[in-house]
Amino acid sequence: MNWDKEIVVDKHCIGGLPGNRTTPLVVAIVAAYGLTMPKTSSRAITSPAGTADTMEVLTNVALSLEEIKTVVEKEGGCFVWGGTAQLSPADDVLIKIEKALDIDSEGQLIASVLSKKAAAGSTHVVIDIPVGETAKVRSTEMAQKLKNHMETVGTSVDLNVKVVITDGSQPVGRGIGPTLEAIDILKVLKNEADAPKDLTERALLLAAELIELSGKVEKGKGLVTAHQILTSGQAYKKFLAICNAQGRFSKPVLAPYKTEIRAETSGNLKRIDNRKIAKLAKLSGAPQSKSAGILLNVHLGEPIEENQLLYTIYAESKGELNYALEYKNNHNDIITII
């Protein structure tokens, strides 16, 4: 895609971290600032939700190339599924194979991300690599290697790539699953008192990196700029405008069946297994059942009291809820309290 603009920005997270739905927030902040961000996103490959799955709860994401151009020219950004845009058709086939085999290879990851950024007409890209024991990338050394590869390949296809290595030790935000993540997004944009602080801070960090990478503000001033756009309500206003330009804005509705999981002992929250809590969300029905998933109530390092609410499982049917509960009962190390 050609945008007839000197600077077109984009961001990508390599995934592997439940929740962490920063992309819609970054688009809203950056587009409100005045930059162009034609964001195409994937559906879930091996996770309980991809950005496209989450945004589909709120708006239409299956737009044609012409529709994408119309939205971006009007509002400066979009939230669309990359599959209908067919920016990288071979990659779409490989994603279907990876989903069936439950794999996500490093080489394909780099090619997938950067080919789509180049095809979307991007010039400046920020890439988020979360690192954690149960994240996709498990060590700083692995992250640094991937960072070097991303930046080298980016240069070869004329992309200005900035890689940010972030904490991947636990889910980001409270929701895991399309609707629950959509609720998180709206709470952050509306500056609600119970908006997840970790999601807010990470979105602001990434938006700040993009604003600075564009060269529009001095280094070190991006965070103040992004924060002002969010807290003033400009980002929420832009978010609604983009959704409406894409055809609708719908309020998220939670699944009808739920079970609360409470602590069986007191202590400190030592560990949250990203992979197992993601598996639990998938067994509850996510992402196919959009309103299914996990609502997390605790974070690492917090003191936990016996019978304290840890998380709630949501499902669209009793059968899916029972599948999730069976898995939970057989895996007592989803959350570790010591």
Protein backbone atom coordinates (compact mmCIF):
# COMPACT_ATOMS: atom_id res chain seq x y z
CA MET A 1 0.00 0.00 0.00
CA ASN A 2 1.18 3.51 -0.80
CA TRP A 3 0.19 6.40 1.45
CA ASP A 4 1.99 9.34 -0.17
CA LYS A 5 3.44 10.21 3.23
CA GLU A 6 7.04 10.48 4.36
CA ILE A 7 6.36 8.69 7.66
CA VAL A 8 3.97 5.76 8.18
CA VAL A 9 4.26 4.04 11.55
CA ASP A 10 3.40 0.57 12.82
CA LYS A 11 4.00 -1.70 15.80
CA HIS A 12 3.96 -5.41 16.47
CA CYS A 13 4.25 -7.67 19.49
CA ILE A 14 5.67 -11.11 18.80
CA GLY A 15 3.10 -12.59 21.17
CA GLY A 16 3.27 -15.41 23.68
CA LEU A 17 1.89 -13.26 26.48
CA PRO A 18 -1.80 -13.55 27.47
CA GLY A 19 -3.75 -10.30 27.30
CA ASN A 20 -1.21 -7.59 26.42
CA ARG A 21 -3.65 -5.97 23.99
CA THR A 22 -1.62 -2.81 23.49
CA THR A 23 -2.03 -2.42 19.73
CA PRO A 24 -5.50 -0.77 19.64
CA LEU A 25 -4.39 1.63 22.38
CA VAL A 26 -1.20 2.55 20.52
CA VAL A 27 -3.11 3.12 17.26
CA ALA A 28 -5.59 5.41 19.02
CA ILE A 29 -2.85 7.45 20.74
CA VAL A 30 -0.58 7.72 17.71
CA ALA A 31 -3.39 8.54 15.26
CA ALA A 32 -4.73 11.16 17.69
CA TYR A 33 -1.24 12.66 17.71
CA GLY A 34 -1.42 13.01 13.93
CA LEU A 35 0.72 10.15 12.63
CA THR A 36 -0.50 7.65 10.04
CA MET A 37 -0.83 4.07 11.32
CA PRO A 38 -2.58 1.62 8.96
CA LYS A 39 -2.61 -1.30 11.42
CA THR A 40 -3.32 -4.78 10.15
CA SER A 41 -3.34 -7.56 12.73
CA SER A 42 -3.63 -11.33 12.81
CA ARG A 43 -6.17 -13.59 14.38
CA ALA A 44 -5.02 -16.01 17.07
CA ILE A 45 -2.53 -18.61 15.84
CA THR A 46 -1.91 -20.55 19.07
CA SER A 47 -3.28 -18.07 21.65
CA PRO A 48 -6.73 -17.33 23.18
CA ALA A 49 -7.00 -14.12 21.13
CA GLY A 50 -5.26 -12.12 18.45
CA THR A 51 -5.70 -8.37 18.06
CA ALA A 52 -8.11 -8.94 15.16
CA ASP A 53 -10.24 -11.29 17.30
CA THR A 54 -10.41 -8.73 20.11
CA MET A 55 -11.18 -5.77 17.85
CA GLU A 56 -13.89 -7.77 16.05
CA VAL A 57 -15.83 -7.63 19.32
CA LEU A 58 -15.93 -3.84 18.95
CA THR A 59 -15.93 -3.16 15.20
CA ASN A 60 -15.66 -4.64 11.70
CA VAL A 61 -12.13 -5.86 10.96
CA ALA A 62 -12.60 -7.63 7.60
CA LEU A 63 -12.04 -4.65 5.31
CA SER A 64 -10.88 -4.58 1.69
CA LEU A 65 -7.80 -2.63 0.66
CA GLU A 66 -9.98 0.18 -0.66
CA GLU A 67 -11.95 0.31 2.58
CA ILE A 68 -8.71 0.38 4.60
CA LYS A 69 -7.44 3.32 2.54
CA THR A 70 -10.70 5.20 3.04
CA VAL A 71 -10.60 4.73 6.83
CA VAL A 72 -6.91 5.63 7.15
CA GLU A 73 -7.19 8.71 4.95
CA LYS A 74 -10.12 9.90 7.08
CA GLU A 75 -8.91 9.00 10.59
CA GLY A 76 -5.16 8.34 10.31
CA GLY A 77 -5.36 4.74 11.51
CA CYS A 78 -7.29 1.49 11.41
CA PHE A 79 -7.75 -1.82 13.25
CA VAL A 80 -8.17 -4.48 10.56
CA TRP A 81 -7.53 -8.17 10.03
CA GLY A 82 -4.60 -8.68 7.68
CA GLY A 83 -6.20 -11.78 6.11
CA THR A 84 -8.74 -9.88 4.02
CA ALA A 85 -6.14 -7.31 2.98
CA GLN A 86 -3.92 -10.14 1.63
CA LEU A 87 -0.76 -8.09 2.04
CA SER A 88 1.31 -11.26 2.29
CA PRO A 89 -0.72 -14.16 0.80
CA ALA A 90 1.94 -16.87 1.23
CA ASP A 91 2.24 -15.97 4.91
CA ASP A 92 -1.52 -16.37 5.37
CA VAL A 93 -1.24 -19.97 4.13
CA LEU A 94 1.69 -20.67 6.47
CA ILE A 95 -0.25 -19.24 9.43
CA LYS A 96 -3.07 -21.73 8.76
CA ILE A 97 -0.52 -24.57 8.80
CA GLU A 98 1.12 -23.26 11.99
CA LYS A 99 -2.26 -23.00 13.67
CA ALA A 100 -3.07 -26.62 12.81
CA LEU A 101 0.33 -27.82 14.06
CA ASP A 102 0.43 -25.43 17.07
CA ILE A 103 3.86 -24.05 16.08
CA ASP A 104 5.31 -20.58 15.55
CA SER A 105 8.86 -20.67 14.16
CA GLU A 106 11.38 -17.81 14.56
CA GLY A 107 12.27 -17.48 10.87
CA GLN A 108 8.64 -17.45 9.81
CA LEU A 109 7.87 -14.96 12.58
CA ILE A 110 10.44 -12.46 11.30
CA ALA A 111 9.40 -12.91 7.67
CA SER A 112 5.71 -12.69 8.58
CA VAL A 113 6.00 -9.51 10.62
CA LEU A 114 8.35 -7.53 8.40
CA SER A 115 6.85 -8.57 5.05
CA LYS A 116 3.45 -7.32 6.18
CA LYS A 117 4.89 -4.08 7.54
CA ALA A 118 6.69 -3.40 4.26
CA ALA A 119 3.60 -4.33 2.21
CA ALA A 120 1.43 -2.04 4.35
CA GLY A 121 3.65 0.88 3.36
CA SER A 122 5.19 1.35 6.81
CA THR A 123 8.44 3.27 7.22
CA HIS A 124 8.95 3.21 11.02
CA VAL A 125 8.12 0.15 13.14
CA VAL A 126 8.35 -0.59 16.87
CA ILE A 127 8.47 -4.28 17.81
CA ASP A 128 7.69 -5.50 21.32
CA ILE A 129 9.47 -8.67 22.50
CA PRO A 130 8.18 -9.83 25.92
CA VAL A 131 10.67 -12.04 27.80
CA GLY A 132 9.70 -14.48 30.52
CA GLU A 133 9.98 -18.04 31.77
CA THR A 134 6.66 -19.05 30.17
CA ALA A 135 6.53 -16.44 27.37
CA LYS A 136 7.40 -17.17 23.72
CA VAL A 137 10.92 -15.77 24.26
CA ARG A 138 12.33 -17.13 27.52
CA SER A 139 15.67 -15.38 27.96
CA THR A 140 17.24 -11.96 27.41
CA GLU A 141 19.86 -13.65 25.20
CA MET A 142 17.16 -15.06 22.92
CA ALA A 143 15.45 -11.67 22.84
CA GLN A 144 18.67 -9.89 21.93
CA LYS A 145 19.31 -12.37 19.11
CA LEU A 146 15.78 -11.86 17.76
CA LYS A 147 16.18 -8.08 18.13
CA ASN A 148 19.37 -8.13 16.06
CA HIS A 149 17.73 -10.26 13.36
CA MET A 150 14.64 -8.04 13.24
CA GLU A 151 16.68 -4.85 12.91
CA THR A 152 19.02 -6.34 10.29
CA VAL A 153 16.19 -7.68 8.14
CA GLY A 154 14.26 -4.44 8.64
CA THR A 155 17.14 -2.40 7.26
CA SER A 156 17.35 -4.67 4.22
CA VAL A 157 13.72 -3.91 3.32
CA ASP A 158 14.02 -0.16 4.08
CA LEU A 159 12.19 -0.26 7.41
CA ASN A 160 13.33 1.82 10.39
CA VAL A 161 12.88 -0.81 13.12
CA LYS A 162 13.12 -0.21 16.88
CA VAL A 163 12.86 -3.31 19.08
CA VAL A 164 11.71 -2.94 22.70
CA ILE A 165 12.35 -5.84 25.09
CA THR A 166 9.67 -5.96 27.80
CA ASP A 167 8.68 -7.99 30.87
CA GLY A 168 6.92 -11.21 29.88
CA SER A 169 6.74 -12.84 33.31
CA GLN A 170 2.94 -12.61 33.58
CA PRO A 171 -0.18 -11.65 31.60
CA VAL A 172 -0.68 -7.94 30.90
CA GLY A 173 -4.12 -6.56 31.67
CA ARG A 174 -6.88 -8.50 33.37
CA GLY A 175 -8.65 -10.05 30.38
CA ILE A 176 -7.56 -13.14 28.46
CA GLY A 177 -9.92 -13.75 25.53
CA PRO A 178 -11.44 -11.37 22.92
CA THR A 179 -14.29 -9.77 24.88
CA LEU A 180 -12.41 -9.57 28.17
CA GLU A 181 -9.46 -7.92 26.42
CA ALA A 182 -11.84 -5.50 24.67
CA ILE A 183 -13.19 -4.48 28.09
CA ASP A 184 -9.61 -3.79 29.24
CA ILE A 185 -9.01 -1.59 26.19
CA LEU A 186 -12.10 0.51 26.83
CA LYS A 187 -11.28 0.95 30.53
CA VAL A 188 -7.83 2.28 29.63
CA LEU A 189 -9.14 4.61 26.92
CA LYS A 190 -11.85 5.97 29.23
CA ASN A 191 -9.32 6.47 32.05
CA GLU A 192 -11.50 4.45 34.42
CA ALA A 193 -10.32 3.98 38.01
CA ASP A 194 -10.07 0.19 37.63
CA ALA A 195 -8.29 0.25 34.25
CA PRO A 196 -5.37 -2.22 34.31
CA LYS A 197 -2.29 -0.17 35.18
CA ASP A 198 0.17 -2.58 33.55
CA LEU A 199 -1.65 -2.46 30.20
CA THR A 200 -1.87 1.33 30.37
CA GLU A 201 1.84 1.72 31.10
CA ARG A 202 2.94 -0.67 28.36
CA ALA A 203 0.72 0.95 25.74
CA LEU A 204 2.06 4.38 26.70
CA LEU A 205 5.65 3.10 26.50
CA LEU A 206 5.14 1.68 22.99
CA ALA A 207 3.22 4.73 21.75
CA ALA A 208 6.01 6.94 23.10
CA GLU A 209 8.64 4.87 21.29
CA LEU A 210 6.72 5.24 18.01
CA ILE A 211 6.24 8.98 18.42
CA GLU A 212 9.95 9.43 19.15
CA LEU A 213 10.98 7.07 16.31
CA SER A 214 9.00 9.26 13.91
CA GLY A 215 11.26 12.17 14.82
CA LYS A 216 8.29 14.40 15.65
CA VAL A 217 9.38 14.94 19.27
CA GLU A 218 12.71 15.01 21.07
CA LYS A 219 13.97 11.77 22.55
CA GLY A 220 12.61 11.47 26.08
CA LYS A 221 9.50 13.57 25.35
CA GLY A 222 7.37 10.85 23.78
CA LEU A 223 5.99 9.48 27.04
CA VAL A 224 4.71 12.87 28.22
CA THR A 225 3.07 13.39 24.82
CA ALA A 226 1.41 9.95 24.78
CA HIS A 227 0.21 10.34 28.38
CA GLN A 228 -1.40 13.70 27.64
CA ILE A 229 -3.23 12.30 24.60
CA LEU A 230 -4.61 9.40 26.64
CA THR A 231 -5.60 11.28 29.80
CA SER A 232 -7.20 14.15 27.87
CA GLY A 233 -9.64 11.78 26.16
CA GLN A 234 -8.22 12.43 22.69
CA ALA A 235 -7.23 8.76 22.27
CA TYR A 236 -10.73 7.51 23.19
CA LYS A 237 -12.32 10.01 20.80
CA LYS A 238 -10.01 8.83 18.00
CA PHE A 239 -10.66 5.16 18.85
CA LEU A 240 -14.43 5.63 18.51
CA ALA A 241 -13.97 7.58 15.28
CA ILE A 242 -11.90 4.77 13.73
CA CYS A 243 -14.39 2.10 14.85
CA ASN A 244 -17.31 4.04 13.38
CA ALA A 245 -15.38 4.63 10.15
CA GLN A 246 -14.96 0.84 9.96
CA GLY A 247 -18.73 0.38 10.19
CA ARG A 248 -19.74 0.08 13.85
CA PHE A 249 -18.88 0.40 17.50
CA SER A 250 -20.37 -2.35 19.65
CA LYS A 251 -20.23 -2.70 23.43
CA PRO A 252 -18.70 -5.98 24.67
CA VAL A 253 -20.96 -8.52 26.40
CA LEU A 254 -19.62 -11.17 28.82
CA ALA A 255 -20.36 -14.90 28.51
CA PRO A 256 -23.32 -16.19 30.57
CA TYR A 257 -21.49 -18.97 32.45
CA LYS A 258 -18.72 -18.29 34.93
CA THR A 259 -16.85 -19.83 37.86
CA GLU A 260 -14.69 -18.00 40.38
CA ILE A 261 -11.36 -19.59 41.31
CA ARG A 262 -10.19 -18.71 44.82
CA ALA A 263 -6.94 -19.21 46.72
CA GLU A 264 -6.74 -22.39 48.77
CA THR A 265 -3.95 -20.97 50.94
CA SER A 266 -2.36 -17.69 52.04
CA GLY A 267 1.07 -16.51 50.88
CA ASN A 268 2.76 -14.51 48.14
CA LEU A 269 1.92 -14.92 44.46
CA LYS A 270 5.16 -16.39 43.14
CA ARG A 271 4.35 -17.44 39.57
CA ILE A 272 1.69 -17.27 36.86
CA ASP A 273 2.20 -19.79 34.07
CA ASN A 274 1.45 -17.85 30.87
CA ARG A 275 1.09 -20.97 28.76
CA LYS A 276 -1.22 -22.80 31.12
CA ILE A 277 -3.49 -19.86 31.81
CA ALA A 278 -3.70 -19.30 28.04
CA LYS A 279 -4.60 -22.98 27.59
CA LEU A 280 -7.28 -22.60 30.25
CA ALA A 281 -8.76 -19.64 28.36
CA LYS A 282 -8.76 -21.64 25.13
CA LEU A 283 -10.51 -24.58 26.78
CA SER A 284 -13.21 -22.19 27.99
CA GLY A 285 -13.90 -21.47 24.30
CA ALA A 286 -11.67 -18.53 23.34
CA PRO A 287 -11.11 -17.24 20.71
CA GLN A 288 -13.90 -18.98 18.76
CA SER A 289 -16.34 -18.14 21.56
CA LYS A 290 -15.55 -14.43 21.70
CA SER A 291 -16.98 -13.79 25.18
CA ALA A 292 -15.15 -16.73 26.79
CA GLY A 293 -11.85 -16.51 28.65
CA ILE A 294 -10.21 -15.55 31.93
CA LEU A 295 -10.56 -12.42 34.06
CA LEU A 296 -7.43 -12.21 36.19
CA ASN A 297 -7.59 -10.52 39.60
CA VAL A 298 -4.01 -10.85 40.87
CA HIS A 299 -0.42 -10.07 39.89
CA LEU A 300 3.05 -11.37 40.78
CA GLY A 301 4.41 -10.41 44.17
CA GLU A 302 1.04 -9.63 45.72
CA PRO A 303 0.18 -11.00 49.17
CA ILE A 304 -2.69 -13.47 48.85
CA GLU A 305 -5.22 -14.37 51.53
CA GLU A 306 -6.96 -17.74 51.73
CA ASN A 307 -10.23 -17.69 49.72
CA GLN A 308 -9.17 -14.52 47.84
CA LEU A 309 -10.47 -14.33 44.27
CA LEU A 310 -7.64 -15.23 41.85
CA TYR A 311 -9.50 -15.29 38.55
CA THR A 312 -12.87 -15.97 36.95
CA ILE A 313 -13.45 -18.39 34.07
CA TYR A 314 -16.10 -17.31 31.54
CA ALA A 315 -17.70 -19.64 28.97
CA GLU A 316 -20.59 -19.56 26.51
CA SER A 317 -21.74 -23.08 27.45
CA LYS A 318 -21.71 -25.32 30.50
CA GLY A 319 -19.73 -27.91 28.53
CA GLU A 320 -16.89 -25.50 27.73
CA LEU A 321 -16.85 -24.30 31.33
CA ASN A 322 -16.52 -27.90 32.50
CA TYR A 323 -13.64 -28.54 30.04
CA ALA A 324 -11.79 -25.58 31.51
CA LEU A 325 -12.50 -26.61 35.10
CA GLU A 326 -11.27 -30.14 34.44
CA TYR A 327 -7.98 -28.75 33.11
CA LYS A 328 -7.69 -26.37 36.06
CA ASN A 329 -8.26 -29.19 38.55
CA ASN A 330 -5.52 -31.26 36.90
CA HIS A 331 -3.02 -28.36 36.84
CA ASN A 332 -2.56 -26.80 40.26
CA ASP A 333 0.48 -24.82 39.07
CA ILE A 334 -1.38 -22.33 36.85
CA ILE A 335 -0.90 -19.89 39.72
CA THR A 336 1.72 -20.64 42.39
CA ILE A 337 1.33 -19.19 45.89
CA ILE A 338 4.14 -19.69 48.41
